[in-house]
Amino acid sequence: MATLTTALNTAFTPAAGDFIVQCSAGTAALERRNTAGAAWVSVGIVTGNDAPIVSNPVAGASYRFVQVGSTTAVVQADQ
């Protein structure tokens, strides 16, 4: 399994299929945009010690983690 990102505010583009995300401290919002020019929209909130599976049925969508709150989030996405 390859790591896609461990950084906030950094876009990553997984291959088609499920990928996993985790937040081991703080709280982060996971956002997605379908094309480079599209607006970022919310996929959901990931809080400390959460590790959801994200369904990504098509290639080409970009994702990013954005900080929520004042505690620095520690995030990772893998596929």
N, C-alpha and C. Protein backbone atom coordinates (compact mmCIF):
# COMPACT_ATOMS: atom_id res chain seq x y z
N MET A 1 0.85 -1.17 0.00
CA MET A 1 0.00 0.00 0.00
C MET A 1 0.90 1.24 0.00
N ALA A 2 0.58 2.18 -0.85
CA ALA A 2 1.39 3.40 -0.97
C ALA A 2 0.73 4.55 -0.22
N THR A 3 1.55 5.39 0.38
CA THR A 3 1.05 6.59 1.04
C THR A 3 0.82 7.67 -0.01
N LEU A 4 -0.38 8.27 0.02
CA LEU A 4 -0.74 9.32 -0.92
C LEU A 4 -0.37 10.70 -0.38
N THR A 5 -0.57 10.92 0.92
CA THR A 5 -0.20 12.18 1.55
C THR A 5 -0.15 12.03 3.06
N THR A 6 0.62 12.91 3.68
CA THR A 6 0.63 13.06 5.13
C THR A 6 0.57 14.54 5.48
N ALA A 7 0.12 15.37 4.54
CA ALA A 7 0.16 16.82 4.73
C ALA A 7 -1.23 17.44 4.62
N LEU A 8 -1.43 18.51 5.36
CA LEU A 8 -2.64 19.32 5.22
C LEU A 8 -2.48 20.24 4.01
N ASN A 9 -3.60 20.61 3.40
CA ASN A 9 -3.65 21.58 2.30
C ASN A 9 -2.80 21.19 1.09
N THR A 10 -2.63 19.90 0.87
CA THR A 10 -1.86 19.40 -0.26
C THR A 10 -2.73 18.44 -1.05
N ALA A 11 -3.00 18.76 -2.31
CA ALA A 11 -3.86 17.91 -3.14
C ALA A 11 -3.17 16.59 -3.46
N PHE A 12 -3.97 15.52 -3.48
CA PHE A 12 -3.48 14.21 -3.91
C PHE A 12 -4.56 13.58 -4.77
N THR A 13 -4.14 12.73 -5.70
CA THR A 13 -5.07 12.11 -6.65
C THR A 13 -4.91 10.60 -6.61
N PRO A 14 -5.83 9.91 -5.91
CA PRO A 14 -5.75 8.46 -5.86
C PRO A 14 -6.21 7.83 -7.18
N ALA A 15 -5.81 6.60 -7.39
CA ALA A 15 -6.33 5.83 -8.52
C ALA A 15 -7.79 5.49 -8.24
N ALA A 16 -8.52 5.07 -9.25
CA ALA A 16 -9.91 4.64 -9.05
C ALA A 16 -9.93 3.48 -8.06
N GLY A 17 -10.90 3.49 -7.18
CA GLY A 17 -11.05 2.46 -6.17
C GLY A 17 -11.01 3.07 -4.78
N ASP A 18 -11.23 2.25 -3.79
CA ASP A 18 -11.24 2.72 -2.41
C ASP A 18 -9.83 3.13 -1.96
N PHE A 19 -9.79 4.10 -1.06
CA PHE A 19 -8.55 4.41 -0.36
C PHE A 19 -8.89 4.70 1.09
N ILE A 20 -7.89 4.66 1.95
CA ILE A 20 -8.14 4.85 3.37
C ILE A 20 -7.51 6.16 3.83
N VAL A 21 -8.18 6.81 4.78
CA VAL A 21 -7.66 8.03 5.38
C VAL A 21 -7.66 7.85 6.89
N GLN A 22 -6.81 8.60 7.55
CA GLN A 22 -6.81 8.57 9.00
C GLN A 22 -6.41 9.93 9.55
N CYS A 23 -6.89 10.19 10.75
CA CYS A 23 -6.52 11.38 11.48
C CYS A 23 -6.19 10.89 12.89
N SER A 24 -4.92 10.97 13.26
CA SER A 24 -4.51 10.43 14.56
C SER A 24 -4.44 11.50 15.64
N ALA A 25 -4.66 12.75 15.29
CA ALA A 25 -4.72 13.84 16.27
C ALA A 25 -5.46 15.01 15.63
N GLY A 26 -6.16 15.79 16.43
CA GLY A 26 -6.87 16.95 15.91
C GLY A 26 -8.06 16.55 15.05
N THR A 27 -8.50 17.48 14.22
CA THR A 27 -9.65 17.26 13.33
C THR A 27 -9.34 17.87 11.97
N ALA A 28 -9.68 17.14 10.91
CA ALA A 28 -9.46 17.63 9.55
C ALA A 28 -10.71 17.39 8.72
N ALA A 29 -10.93 18.26 7.76
CA ALA A 29 -11.98 18.06 6.76
C ALA A 29 -11.32 17.45 5.53
N LEU A 30 -11.95 16.43 4.97
CA LEU A 30 -11.50 15.87 3.70
C LEU A 30 -12.34 16.52 2.61
N GLU A 31 -11.67 17.11 1.62
CA GLU A 31 -12.36 17.79 0.52
C GLU A 31 -11.99 17.16 -0.80
N ARG A 32 -12.87 17.34 -1.81
CA ARG A 32 -12.65 16.77 -3.14
C ARG A 32 -13.02 17.81 -4.20
N ARG A 33 -12.32 17.73 -5.33
CA ARG A 33 -12.76 18.47 -6.52
C ARG A 33 -12.63 17.50 -7.70
N ASN A 34 -13.61 17.57 -8.59
CA ASN A 34 -13.67 16.60 -9.69
C ASN A 34 -12.74 16.96 -10.83
N THR A 35 -12.46 18.24 -11.03
CA THR A 35 -11.52 18.69 -12.06
C THR A 35 -10.68 19.82 -11.48
N ALA A 36 -9.57 20.12 -12.12
CA ALA A 36 -8.63 21.12 -11.60
C ALA A 36 -9.28 22.49 -11.38
N GLY A 37 -10.23 22.88 -12.21
CA GLY A 37 -10.86 24.18 -12.08
C GLY A 37 -12.06 24.23 -11.16
N ALA A 38 -12.50 23.10 -10.67
CA ALA A 38 -13.70 23.03 -9.84
C ALA A 38 -13.42 23.51 -8.42
N ALA A 39 -14.47 23.91 -7.74
CA ALA A 39 -14.35 24.31 -6.34
C ALA A 39 -14.16 23.08 -5.46
N TRP A 40 -13.46 23.24 -4.35
CA TRP A 40 -13.32 22.17 -3.37
C TRP A 40 -14.64 22.03 -2.61
N VAL A 41 -15.09 20.79 -2.39
CA VAL A 41 -16.33 20.53 -1.65
C VAL A 41 -16.04 19.48 -0.57
N SER A 42 -16.87 19.47 0.45
CA SER A 42 -16.66 18.60 1.60
C SER A 42 -17.02 17.14 1.31
N VAL A 43 -16.12 16.25 1.70
CA VAL A 43 -16.41 14.81 1.70
C VAL A 43 -16.84 14.41 3.10
N GLY A 44 -16.21 15.01 4.11
CA GLY A 44 -16.56 14.72 5.50
C GLY A 44 -15.47 15.18 6.45
N ILE A 45 -15.75 15.03 7.72
CA ILE A 45 -14.84 15.40 8.79
C ILE A 45 -14.19 14.13 9.34
N VAL A 46 -12.88 14.19 9.54
CA VAL A 46 -12.14 13.07 10.11
C VAL A 46 -11.52 13.57 11.41
N THR A 47 -11.87 12.93 12.52
CA THR A 47 -11.38 13.37 13.82
C THR A 47 -10.31 12.43 14.34
N GLY A 48 -9.60 12.87 15.37
CA GLY A 48 -8.53 12.07 15.96
C GLY A 48 -8.97 10.64 16.23
N ASN A 49 -8.18 9.70 15.78
CA ASN A 49 -8.41 8.26 15.92
C ASN A 49 -9.49 7.71 15.01
N ASP A 50 -9.89 8.43 13.97
CA ASP A 50 -10.80 7.92 12.94
C ASP A 50 -9.98 7.44 11.75
N ALA A 51 -10.48 6.39 11.08
CA ALA A 51 -9.80 5.85 9.89
C ALA A 51 -10.83 5.30 8.90
N PRO A 52 -11.59 6.19 8.23
CA PRO A 52 -12.61 5.72 7.31
C PRO A 52 -12.05 5.28 5.95
N ILE A 53 -12.85 4.51 5.25
CA ILE A 53 -12.57 4.11 3.88
C ILE A 53 -13.35 5.05 2.97
N VAL A 54 -12.68 5.56 1.94
CA VAL A 54 -13.30 6.49 0.99
C VAL A 54 -13.46 5.78 -0.34
N SER A 55 -14.68 5.80 -0.88
CA SER A 55 -14.95 5.22 -2.18
C SER A 55 -14.65 6.25 -3.26
N ASN A 56 -13.79 5.89 -4.20
CA ASN A 56 -13.38 6.79 -5.29
C ASN A 56 -13.56 6.02 -6.60
N PRO A 57 -14.78 5.99 -7.17
CA PRO A 57 -15.06 5.11 -8.30
C PRO A 57 -14.43 5.52 -9.63
N VAL A 58 -13.95 6.75 -9.74
CA VAL A 58 -13.36 7.19 -11.01
C VAL A 58 -11.98 7.80 -10.77
N ALA A 59 -11.11 7.68 -11.75
CA ALA A 59 -9.78 8.29 -11.65
C ALA A 59 -9.88 9.78 -11.96
N GLY A 60 -8.99 10.56 -11.40
CA GLY A 60 -8.90 11.96 -11.76
C GLY A 60 -9.38 12.94 -10.72
N ALA A 61 -10.20 12.53 -9.76
CA ALA A 61 -10.64 13.45 -8.72
C ALA A 61 -9.48 13.71 -7.76
N SER A 62 -9.36 14.95 -7.31
CA SER A 62 -8.34 15.31 -6.35
C SER A 62 -8.96 15.48 -4.97
N TYR A 63 -8.18 15.19 -3.95
CA TYR A 63 -8.61 15.30 -2.56
C TYR A 63 -7.57 16.11 -1.80
N ARG A 64 -7.97 16.63 -0.65
CA ARG A 64 -7.03 17.28 0.27
C ARG A 64 -7.63 17.28 1.67
N PHE A 65 -6.75 17.34 2.66
CA PHE A 65 -7.16 17.53 4.05
C PHE A 65 -7.00 19.00 4.39
N VAL A 66 -7.97 19.56 5.13
CA VAL A 66 -7.92 20.94 5.58
C VAL A 66 -8.12 20.94 7.09
N GLN A 67 -7.32 21.73 7.77
CA GLN A 67 -7.38 21.85 9.22
C GLN A 67 -8.76 22.33 9.68
N VAL A 68 -9.27 21.73 10.75
CA VAL A 68 -10.50 22.19 11.40
C VAL A 68 -10.15 22.40 12.88
N GLY A 69 -10.46 23.55 13.41
CA GLY A 69 -10.17 23.83 14.81
C GLY A 69 -8.73 24.27 15.02
N SER A 70 -8.34 24.36 16.30
CA SER A 70 -7.04 24.92 16.62
C SER A 70 -5.95 23.87 16.88
N THR A 71 -6.33 22.62 17.07
CA THR A 71 -5.34 21.57 17.30
C THR A 71 -4.84 21.04 15.95
N THR A 72 -3.55 21.04 15.73
CA THR A 72 -2.99 20.61 14.46
C THR A 72 -3.33 19.15 14.18
N ALA A 73 -3.98 18.90 13.07
CA ALA A 73 -4.38 17.55 12.69
C ALA A 73 -3.17 16.79 12.14
N VAL A 74 -3.11 15.49 12.46
CA VAL A 74 -2.10 14.60 11.92
C VAL A 74 -2.84 13.63 11.02
N VAL A 75 -2.62 13.75 9.70
CA VAL A 75 -3.42 13.03 8.71
C VAL A 75 -2.56 12.14 7.83
N GLN A 76 -3.22 11.18 7.20
CA GLN A 76 -2.55 10.31 6.23
C GLN A 76 -3.62 9.70 5.34
N ALA A 77 -3.27 9.53 4.06
CA ALA A 77 -4.13 8.81 3.11
C ALA A 77 -3.25 7.77 2.42
N ASP A 78 -3.80 6.56 2.25
CA ASP A 78 -3.05 5.45 1.63
C ASP A 78 -3.95 4.71 0.65
N GLN A 79 -3.32 4.13 -0.36
CA GLN A 79 -4.08 3.30 -1.31
C GLN A 79 -3.22 2.17 -1.80
